[in-house]
PDB file of N, CA and C in Angstrom:
ATOM      1  N   UNK A   1       0.894  -1.296   0.144  1.00  0.00           N
ATOM      2  CA  UNK A   1      -0.083   0.547   0.341  1.00  0.00           C
ATOM      3  C   UNK A   1       0.892   1.313  -0.114  1.00  0.00           C
ATOM      4  N   UNK A   2       0.404   1.836  -1.169  1.00  0.00           N
ATOM      5  CA  UNK A   2       1.691   3.316  -1.096  1.00  0.00           C
ATOM      6  C   UNK A   2       1.453   4.170   0.130  1.00  0.00           C
ATOM      7  N   UNK A   3       2.298   4.987   0.098  1.00  0.00           N
ATOM      8  CA  UNK A   3       2.659   5.640   1.408  1.00  0.00           C
ATOM      9  C   UNK A   3       1.734   6.897   1.100  1.00  0.00           C
ATOM     10  N   UNK A   4       0.653   7.550   2.261  1.00  0.00           N
ATOM     11  CA  UNK A   4      -0.329   8.102   2.375  1.00  0.00           C
ATOM     12  C   UNK A   4      -1.503   7.357   1.903  1.00  0.00           C
ATOM     13  N   UNK A   5      -1.614   6.449   1.955  1.00  0.00           N
ATOM     14  CA  UNK A   5      -2.911   6.393   1.014  1.00  0.00           C
ATOM     15  C   UNK A   5      -4.364   6.826   1.402  1.00  0.00           C
ATOM     16  N   UNK A   6      -4.531   6.766   2.370  1.00  0.00           N
ATOM     17  CA  UNK A   6      -5.840   7.400   3.247  1.00  0.00           C
ATOM     18  C   UNK A   6      -5.686   8.920   3.825  1.00  0.00           C
ATOM     19  N   UNK A   7      -4.591   9.343   3.448  1.00  0.00           N
ATOM     20  CA  UNK A   7      -4.152  10.697   4.509  1.00  0.00           C
ATOM     21  C   UNK A   7      -5.230  11.645   4.421  1.00  0.00           C
ATOM     22  N   UNK A   8      -5.587  12.102   5.155  1.00  0.00           N
ATOM     23  CA  UNK A   8      -6.629  13.115   5.583  1.00  0.00           C
ATOM     24  C   UNK A   8      -8.183  13.005   4.809  1.00  0.00           C
ATOM     25  N   UNK A   9      -8.398  11.504   4.631  1.00  0.00           N
ATOM     26  CA  UNK A   9      -9.698  10.904   4.444  1.00  0.00           C
ATOM     27  C   UNK A   9     -10.618  11.153   5.031  1.00  0.00           C
ATOM     28  N   UNK A  10     -11.649  11.952   4.945  1.00  0.00           N
ATOM     29  CA  UNK A  10     -12.759  12.282   5.718  1.00  0.00           C
ATOM     30  C   UNK A  10     -13.760  11.218   5.708  1.00  0.00           C
ATOM     31  N   UNK A  11     -14.273  10.171   4.835  1.00  0.00           N
ATOM     32  CA  UNK A  11     -15.358   9.413   4.649  1.00  0.00           C
ATOM     33  C   UNK A  11     -14.828   7.930   5.350  1.00  0.00           C
ATOM     34  N   UNK A  12     -13.900   7.772   5.554  1.00  0.00           N
ATOM     35  CA  UNK A  12     -13.711   6.162   5.852  1.00  0.00           C
ATOM     36  C   UNK A  12     -13.797   6.147   7.820  1.00  0.00           C
ATOM     37  N   UNK A  13     -14.696   5.326   7.804  1.00  0.00           N
ATOM     38  CA  UNK A  13     -14.782   4.792   9.405  1.00  0.00           C
ATOM     39  C   UNK A  13     -13.971   3.577   9.885  1.00  0.00           C
ATOM     40  N   UNK A  14     -13.589   2.858   9.257  1.00  0.00           N
ATOM     41  CA  UNK A  14     -13.180   1.988   9.643  1.00  0.00           C
ATOM     42  C   UNK A  14     -12.116   1.181   8.360  1.00  0.00           C
ATOM     43  N   UNK A  15     -11.286   0.490   8.553  1.00  0.00           N
ATOM     44  CA  UNK A  15     -10.007  -0.053   7.831  1.00  0.00           C
ATOM     45  C   UNK A  15      -9.891  -1.524   8.407  1.00  0.00           C
ATOM     46  N   UNK A  16     -10.124  -2.109   7.287  1.00  0.00           N
ATOM     47  CA  UNK A  16      -9.659  -3.623   7.414  1.00  0.00           C
ATOM     48  C   UNK A  16      -8.413  -3.654   6.423  1.00  0.00           C
ATOM     49  N   UNK A  17      -7.368  -4.521   6.982  1.00  0.00           N
ATOM     50  CA  UNK A  17      -6.155  -4.388   6.032  1.00  0.00           C
ATOM     51  C   UNK A  17      -6.274  -6.131   5.491  1.00  0.00           C
ATOM     52  N   UNK A  18      -5.808  -6.077   4.207  1.00  0.00           N
ATOM     53  CA  UNK A  18      -5.766  -7.373   3.722  1.00  0.00           C
ATOM     54  C   UNK A  18      -4.704  -8.300   4.743  1.00  0.00           C
ATOM     55  N   UNK A  19      -4.936  -9.843   4.556  1.00  0.00           N
ATOM     56  CA  UNK A  19      -4.263 -10.799   5.381  1.00  0.00           C
ATOM     57  C   UNK A  19      -3.025 -11.143   5.094  1.00  0.00           C
ATOM     58  N   UNK A  20      -2.660 -10.132   3.581  1.00  0.00           N
ATOM     59  CA  UNK A  20      -1.333 -10.648   3.107  1.00  0.00           C
ATOM     60  C   UNK A  20      -0.559  -9.768   3.198  1.00  0.00           C
ATOM     61  N   UNK A  21      -0.897  -8.408   4.132  1.00  0.00           N
ATOM     62  CA  UNK A  21       0.042  -7.380   4.321  1.00  0.00           C
ATOM     63  C   UNK A  21       0.839  -7.820   5.539  1.00  0.00           C
ATOM     64  N   UNK A  22       2.229  -7.211   5.028  1.00  0.00           N
ATOM     65  CA  UNK A  22       3.588  -7.443   5.665  1.00  0.00           C
ATOM     66  C   UNK A  22       3.991  -6.020   6.612  1.00  0.00           C
ATOM     67  N   UNK A  23       3.684  -4.886   6.042  1.00  0.00           N
ATOM     68  CA  UNK A  23       3.898  -3.721   6.681  1.00  0.00           C
ATOM     69  C   UNK A  23       3.349  -2.586   6.625  1.00  0.00           C
ATOM     70  N   UNK A  24       2.481  -1.534   7.460  1.00  0.00           N
ATOM     71  CA  UNK A  24       1.575  -0.690   7.315  1.00  0.00           C
ATOM     72  C   UNK A  24       2.675   0.373   7.206  1.00  0.00           C
ATOM     73  N   UNK A  25       2.839   1.183   6.292  1.00  0.00           N
ATOM     74  CA  UNK A  25       3.574   2.458   5.959  1.00  0.00           C
ATOM     75  C   UNK A  25       3.191   3.669   6.809  1.00  0.00           C
ATOM     76  N   UNK A  26       3.971   4.453   6.665  1.00  0.00           N
ATOM     77  CA  UNK A  26       4.006   5.523   7.328  1.00  0.00           C
ATOM     78  C   UNK A  26       3.002   6.344   6.823  1.00  0.00           C
ATOM     79  N   UNK A  27       2.570   7.444   7.882  1.00  0.00           N
ATOM     80  CA  UNK A  27       1.201   7.973   7.710  1.00  0.00           C
ATOM     81  C   UNK A  27       0.357   7.930   6.786  1.00  0.00           C
ATOM     82  N   UNK A  28      -0.295   6.430   6.408  1.00  0.00           N
ATOM     83  CA  UNK A  28      -1.270   5.433   5.616  1.00  0.00           C
ATOM     84  C   UNK A  28      -2.222   6.435   6.219  1.00  0.00           C
ATOM     85  N   UNK A  29      -2.562   6.626   7.384  1.00  0.00           N
ATOM     86  CA  UNK A  29      -4.147   6.572   7.458  1.00  0.00           C
ATOM     87  C   UNK A  29      -3.798   8.621   8.204  1.00  0.00           C
ATOM     88  N   UNK A  30      -3.109   9.188   8.297  1.00  0.00           N
ATOM     89  CA  UNK A  30      -2.832  10.136   8.581  1.00  0.00           C
ATOM     90  C   UNK A  30      -3.778  11.277   9.006  1.00  0.00           C
ATOM     91  N   UNK A  31      -4.543  11.883   9.912  1.00  0.00           N
ATOM     92  CA  UNK A  31      -5.419  12.516   9.761  1.00  0.00           C
ATOM     93  C   UNK A  31      -6.613  12.140   9.175  1.00  0.00           C
ATOM     94  N   UNK A  32      -6.952  10.768   9.385  1.00  0.00           N
ATOM     95  CA  UNK A  32      -8.222  10.404   9.152  1.00  0.00           C
ATOM     96  C   UNK A  32      -9.326  10.341  10.202  1.00  0.00           C
ATOM     97  N   UNK A  33      -9.779  11.465  10.296  1.00  0.00           N
ATOM     98  CA  UNK A  33     -10.812  11.914  11.444  1.00  0.00           C
ATOM     99  C   UNK A  33     -11.627  10.937  11.582  1.00  0.00           C
ATOM    100  N   UNK A  34     -12.488  10.439  10.881  1.00  0.00           N
ATOM    101  CA  UNK A  34     -13.672   9.617  10.816  1.00  0.00           C
ATOM    102  C   UNK A  34     -13.516   7.952  11.241  1.00  0.00           C
ATOM    103  N   UNK A  35     -11.999   7.714  11.286  1.00  0.00           N
ATOM    104  CA  UNK A  35     -11.965   6.317  11.406  1.00  0.00           C
ATOM    105  C   UNK A  35     -12.159   5.802  13.131  1.00  0.00           C
ATOM    106  N   UNK A  36     -12.989   5.080  13.512  1.00  0.00           N
ATOM    107  CA  UNK A  36     -12.993   4.822  14.506  1.00  0.00           C
ATOM    108  C   UNK A  36     -12.610   3.436  14.961  1.00  0.00           C
ATOM    109  N   UNK A  37     -12.088   2.721  13.859  1.00  0.00           N
ATOM    110  CA  UNK A  37     -12.030   1.008  14.261  1.00  0.00           C
ATOM    111  C   UNK A  37     -10.785   0.702  12.857  1.00  0.00           C
ATOM    112  N   UNK A  38      -9.760  -0.212  13.502  1.00  0.00           N
ATOM    113  CA  UNK A  38      -8.536  -0.551  12.544  1.00  0.00           C
ATOM    114  C   UNK A  38      -8.467  -2.075  13.233  1.00  0.00           C
ATOM    115  N   UNK A  39      -8.370  -3.329  12.151  1.00  0.00           N
ATOM    116  CA  UNK A  39      -7.926  -4.271  11.997  1.00  0.00           C
ATOM    117  C   UNK A  39      -6.723  -4.502  11.560  1.00  0.00           C
ATOM    118  N   UNK A  40      -5.975  -5.058  12.093  1.00  0.00           N
ATOM    119  CA  UNK A  40      -4.663  -5.290  11.566  1.00  0.00           C
ATOM    120  C   UNK A  40      -4.274  -6.755  11.551  1.00  0.00           C
ATOM    121  N   UNK A  41      -4.090  -7.636  10.121  1.00  0.00           N
ATOM    122  CA  UNK A  41      -3.925  -8.948  10.254  1.00  0.00           C
ATOM    123  C   UNK A  41      -2.572  -9.332  11.203  1.00  0.00           C
ATOM    124  N   UNK A  42      -2.627 -10.839  11.585  1.00  0.00           N
ATOM    125  CA  UNK A  42      -1.377 -11.042  11.998  1.00  0.00           C
ATOM    126  C   UNK A  42      -0.234 -11.826  11.107  1.00  0.00           C
ATOM    127  N   UNK A  43      -0.375 -10.867   9.924  1.00  0.00           N
ATOM    128  CA  UNK A  43       0.548 -10.988   9.074  1.00  0.00           C
ATOM    129  C   UNK A  43       1.784  -9.871   9.036  1.00  0.00           C
ATOM    130  N   UNK A  44       0.937  -8.714   9.763  1.00  0.00           N
ATOM    131  CA  UNK A  44       2.194  -7.781   9.891  1.00  0.00           C
ATOM    132  C   UNK A  44       2.725  -8.107  10.612  1.00  0.00           C
ATOM    133  N   UNK A  45       4.287  -7.282  10.165  1.00  0.00           N
ATOM    134  CA  UNK A  45       5.072  -6.859  11.136  1.00  0.00           C
ATOM    135  C   UNK A  45       5.975  -5.822  11.556  1.00  0.00           C
ATOM    136  N   UNK A  46       5.440  -4.592  10.861  1.00  0.00           N
ATOM    137  CA  UNK A  46       5.602  -3.396  11.117  1.00  0.00           C
ATOM    138  C   UNK A  46       4.764  -2.715  10.630  1.00  0.00           C
ATOM    139  N   UNK A  47       4.667  -1.258  11.836  1.00  0.00           N
ATOM    140  CA  UNK A  47       3.889  -0.192  11.964  1.00  0.00           C
ATOM    141  C   UNK A  47       4.667   1.297  11.622  1.00  0.00           C
ATOM    142  N   UNK A  48       4.259   1.426  10.151  1.00  0.00           N
ATOM    143  CA  UNK A  48       5.364   2.721  10.168  1.00  0.00           C
ATOM    144  C   UNK A  48       5.052   3.998  10.896  1.00  0.00           C
ATOM    145  N   UNK A  49       6.060   5.049  10.932  1.00  0.00           N
ATOM    146  CA  UNK A  49       5.545   6.097  12.059  1.00  0.00           C
ATOM    147  C   UNK A  49       4.435   6.939  11.511  1.00  0.00           C
ATOM    148  N   UNK A  50       3.850   7.479  12.858  1.00  0.00           N
ATOM    149  CA  UNK A  50       2.712   8.379  12.380  1.00  0.00           C
ATOM    150  C   UNK A  50       1.504   7.541  11.307  1.00  0.00           C
ATOM    151  N   UNK A  51       1.364   6.248  11.452  1.00  0.00           N
ATOM    152  CA  UNK A  51       0.509   5.601  10.583  1.00  0.00           C
ATOM    153  C   UNK A  51      -0.958   5.832  11.005  1.00  0.00           C
ATOM    154  N   UNK A  52      -0.946   6.175  11.882  1.00  0.00           N
ATOM    155  CA  UNK A  52      -2.669   6.350  12.315  1.00  0.00           C
ATOM    156  C   UNK A  52      -2.569   7.589  13.386  1.00  0.00           C
ATOM    157  N   UNK A  53      -1.729   8.494  13.188  1.00  0.00           N
ATOM    158  CA  UNK A  53      -1.654   9.958  14.147  1.00  0.00           C
ATOM    159  C   UNK A  53      -2.836  10.570  13.632  1.00  0.00           C
ATOM    160  N   UNK A  54      -3.485  11.485  14.647  1.00  0.00           N
ATOM    161  CA  UNK A  54      -4.406  12.294  14.301  1.00  0.00           C
ATOM    162  C   UNK A  54      -5.869  11.647  13.528  1.00  0.00           C
ATOM    163  N   UNK A  55      -6.047  10.481  14.140  1.00  0.00           N
ATOM    164  CA  UNK A  55      -7.152   9.686  13.969  1.00  0.00           C
ATOM    165  C   UNK A  55      -8.523  10.007  15.206  1.00  0.00           C
ATOM    166  N   UNK A  56      -8.969  11.410  15.282  1.00  0.00           N
ATOM    167  CA  UNK A  56      -9.134  11.705  16.164  1.00  0.00           C
ATOM    168  C   UNK A  56     -10.661  11.067  16.649  1.00  0.00           C
ATOM    169  N   UNK A  57     -11.147  10.185  15.868  1.00  0.00           N
ATOM    170  CA  UNK A  57     -12.067   9.247  16.530  1.00  0.00           C
ATOM    171  C   UNK A  57     -11.819   8.103  16.640  1.00  0.00           C
ATOM    172  N   UNK A  58     -10.624   7.684  16.460  1.00  0.00           N
ATOM    173  CA  UNK A  58     -10.148   5.823  16.608  1.00  0.00           C
ATOM    174  C   UNK A  58     -10.284   5.951  18.300  1.00  0.00           C
ATOM    175  N   UNK A  59     -11.013   4.894  18.077  1.00  0.00           N
ATOM    176  CA  UNK A  59     -11.590   4.079  19.743  1.00  0.00           C
ATOM    177  C   UNK A  59     -10.559   3.194  19.792  1.00  0.00           C
ATOM    178  N   UNK A  60     -10.866   2.081  19.023  1.00  0.00           N
ATOM    179  CA  UNK A  60     -10.558   0.627  19.267  1.00  0.00           C
ATOM    180  C   UNK A  60      -9.444   0.103  18.282  1.00  0.00           C
ATOM    181  N   UNK A  61      -8.068  -0.159  18.526  1.00  0.00           N
ATOM    182  CA  UNK A  61      -7.030  -0.963  17.897  1.00  0.00           C
ATOM    183  C   UNK A  61      -6.595  -2.213  18.764  1.00  0.00           C
ATOM    184  N   UNK A  62      -6.383  -3.406  17.892  1.00  0.00           N
ATOM    185  CA  UNK A  62      -5.507  -4.411  18.638  1.00  0.00           C
ATOM    186  C   UNK A  62      -4.275  -4.558  17.401  1.00  0.00           C
ATOM    187  N   UNK A  63      -3.501  -4.278  18.199  1.00  0.00           N
ATOM    188  CA  UNK A  63      -2.076  -4.861  17.337  1.00  0.00           C
ATOM    189  C   UNK A  63      -1.980  -6.262  17.606  1.00  0.00           C
ATOM    190  N   UNK A  64      -1.633  -7.062  16.597  1.00  0.00           N
ATOM    191  CA  UNK A  64      -1.063  -8.726  16.822  1.00  0.00           C
ATOM    192  C   UNK A  64       0.113  -8.909  17.166  1.00  0.00           C
ATOM    193  N   UNK A  65       0.141  -9.987  17.844  1.00  0.00           N
ATOM    194  CA  UNK A  65       1.668 -10.762  18.218  1.00  0.00           C
ATOM    195  C   UNK A  65       2.527 -10.678  17.297  1.00  0.00           C
ATOM    196  N   UNK A  66       2.519 -10.523  15.825  1.00  0.00           N
ATOM    197  CA  UNK A  66       3.239 -10.695  14.862  1.00  0.00           C
ATOM    198  C   UNK A  66       3.953  -9.412  14.593  1.00  0.00           C
ATOM    199  N   UNK A  67       3.331  -8.378  15.187  1.00  0.00           N
ATOM    200  CA  UNK A  67       4.101  -6.857  14.966  1.00  0.00           C
ATOM    201  C   UNK A  67       5.428  -6.892  16.365  1.00  0.00           C
ATOM    202  N   UNK A  68       6.431  -6.448  15.633  1.00  0.00           N
ATOM    203  CA  UNK A  68       7.665  -6.319  16.227  1.00  0.00           C
ATOM    204  C   UNK A  68       8.445  -5.059  16.453  1.00  0.00           C
ATOM    205  N   UNK A  69       7.796  -4.189  15.658  1.00  0.00           N
ATOM    206  CA  UNK A  69       8.137  -2.877  15.085  1.00  0.00           C
ATOM    207  C   UNK A  69       6.631  -1.933  15.035  1.00  0.00           C
ATOM    208  N   UNK A  70       6.635  -1.026  16.189  1.00  0.00           N
ATOM    209  CA  UNK A  70       5.927   0.104  15.657  1.00  0.00           C
ATOM    210  C   UNK A  70       6.872   1.347  15.781  1.00  0.00           C
ATOM    211  N   UNK A  71       6.582   2.145  15.019  1.00  0.00           N
ATOM    212  CA  UNK A  71       6.997   3.484  14.591  1.00  0.00           C
ATOM    213  C   UNK A  71       6.972   4.703  15.594  1.00  0.00           C
ATOM    214  N   UNK A  72       7.405   5.699  15.610  1.00  0.00           N
ATOM    215  CA  UNK A  72       7.182   6.994  16.180  1.00  0.00           C
ATOM    216  C   UNK A  72       5.811   7.776  15.854  1.00  0.00           C
ATOM    217  N   UNK A  73       5.088   8.216  17.107  1.00  0.00           N
ATOM    218  CA  UNK A  73       3.766   8.614  16.777  1.00  0.00           C
ATOM    219  C   UNK A  73       2.914   8.172  16.117  1.00  0.00           C
ATOM    220  N   UNK A  74       2.549   6.826  16.027  1.00  0.00           N
ATOM    221  CA  UNK A  74       1.866   6.164  15.564  1.00  0.00           C
ATOM    222  C   UNK A  74       0.661   6.532  16.094  1.00  0.00           C
ATOM    223  N   UNK A  75       0.048   6.663  17.438  1.00  0.00           N
ATOM    224  CA  UNK A  75      -1.245   6.837  17.430  1.00  0.00           C
ATOM    225  C   UNK A  75      -1.196   8.368  18.147  1.00  0.00           C
ATOM    226  N   UNK A  76       0.037   9.216  18.131  1.00  0.00           N
ATOM    227  CA  UNK A  76      -0.270  10.617  18.172  1.00  0.00           C
ATOM    228  C   UNK A  76      -1.529  11.514  18.048  1.00  0.00           C
ATOM    229  N   UNK A  77      -2.321  12.285  18.762  1.00  0.00           N
ATOM    230  CA  UNK A  77      -2.972  13.070  18.351  1.00  0.00           C
ATOM    231  C   UNK A  77      -4.640  12.327  18.518  1.00  0.00           C
ATOM    232  N   UNK A  78      -4.513  10.877  19.117  1.00  0.00           N
ATOM    233  CA  UNK A  78      -5.792  10.089  19.078  1.00  0.00           C
ATOM    234  C   UNK A  78      -6.427   9.902  20.116  1.00  0.00           C
ATOM    235  N   UNK A  79      -6.940  11.263  20.357  1.00  0.00           N
ATOM    236  CA  UNK A  79      -7.758  11.247  21.742  1.00  0.00           C
ATOM    237  C   UNK A  79      -8.767  10.622  22.497  1.00  0.00           C
ATOM    238  N   UNK A  80      -9.592   9.928  21.331  1.00  0.00           N
ATOM    239  CA  UNK A  80     -10.646   9.144  21.940  1.00  0.00           C
ATOM    240  C   UNK A  80      -9.797   7.589  21.780  1.00  0.00           C
ATOM    241  N   UNK A  81      -8.821   7.410  21.914  1.00  0.00           N
ATOM    242  CA  UNK A  81      -8.390   5.739  22.143  1.00  0.00           C
ATOM    243  C   UNK A  81      -8.522   5.728  23.273  1.00  0.00           C
ATOM    244  N   UNK A  82      -9.736   4.370  23.583  1.00  0.00           N
ATOM    245  CA  UNK A  82      -9.228   3.860  24.748  1.00  0.00           C
ATOM    246  C   UNK A  82      -9.300   2.583  24.689  1.00  0.00           C
ATOM    247  N   UNK A  83      -9.020   2.018  23.661  1.00  0.00           N
ATOM    248  CA  UNK A  83      -8.983   0.322  23.462  1.00  0.00           C
ATOM    249  C   UNK A  83      -7.746   0.308  22.535  1.00  0.00           C
ATOM    250  N   UNK A  84      -6.372  -0.468  23.117  1.00  0.00           N
ATOM    251  CA  UNK A  84      -5.729  -0.872  22.481  1.00  0.00           C
ATOM    252  C   UNK A  84      -4.878  -1.872  22.867  1.00  0.00           C
ATOM    253  N   UNK A  85      -4.477  -2.972  22.385  1.00  0.00           N
ATOM    254  CA  UNK A  85      -3.914  -4.305  22.435  1.00  0.00           C
ATOM    255  C   UNK A  85      -2.622  -4.227  22.191  1.00  0.00           C
ATOM    256  N   UNK A  86      -1.597  -4.102  22.761  1.00  0.00           N
ATOM    257  CA  UNK A  86      -0.309  -4.046  22.043  1.00  0.00           C
ATOM    258  C   UNK A  86       0.715  -5.535  22.889  1.00  0.00           C
ATOM    259  N   UNK A  87       1.048  -6.287  22.222  1.00  0.00           N
ATOM    260  CA  UNK A  87       1.296  -7.530  22.148  1.00  0.00           C
ATOM    261  C   UNK A  87       2.820  -7.064  23.002  1.00  0.00           C
ATOM    262  N   UNK A  88       3.427  -8.118  23.825  1.00  0.00           N
ATOM    263  CA  UNK A  88       4.769  -7.920  24.376  1.00  0.00           C
ATOM    264  C   UNK A  88       5.991  -8.023  23.275  1.00  0.00           C
ATOM    265  N   UNK A  89       5.906  -8.509  22.101  1.00  0.00           N
ATOM    266  CA  UNK A  89       6.516  -8.471  21.391  1.00  0.00           C
ATOM    267  C   UNK A  89       7.282  -7.033  20.445  1.00  0.00           C
TER     268      UNK A  89
END
C-alpha cells in the first residue's frame, strides 16, 4: 500500500487491511478523523511512523503478536483511543 494512501480521508470509518499485508506504511491514515476502528492482520510485522496519527475518533485497535516494530508517533493525537492491545513482542 503506497505511502499516505488514506491521508486526511474524511469518509472512512473503518479500515480492514489485507491478510497478506506485511508492513503498514508511515502516515498511511494520518489525519483520517472519521476512523473509529482498525483491524490489523497477524501477517503485519511493522507499523510505520505516524501511521494512524490524528485519527481523532479512533477508539479501538488491536495489534497482533506478529508486530515486532511500532514506529514513532503512531497514535499521536488520537484523543478518543480508549482500547488498544499491544503485544509483548
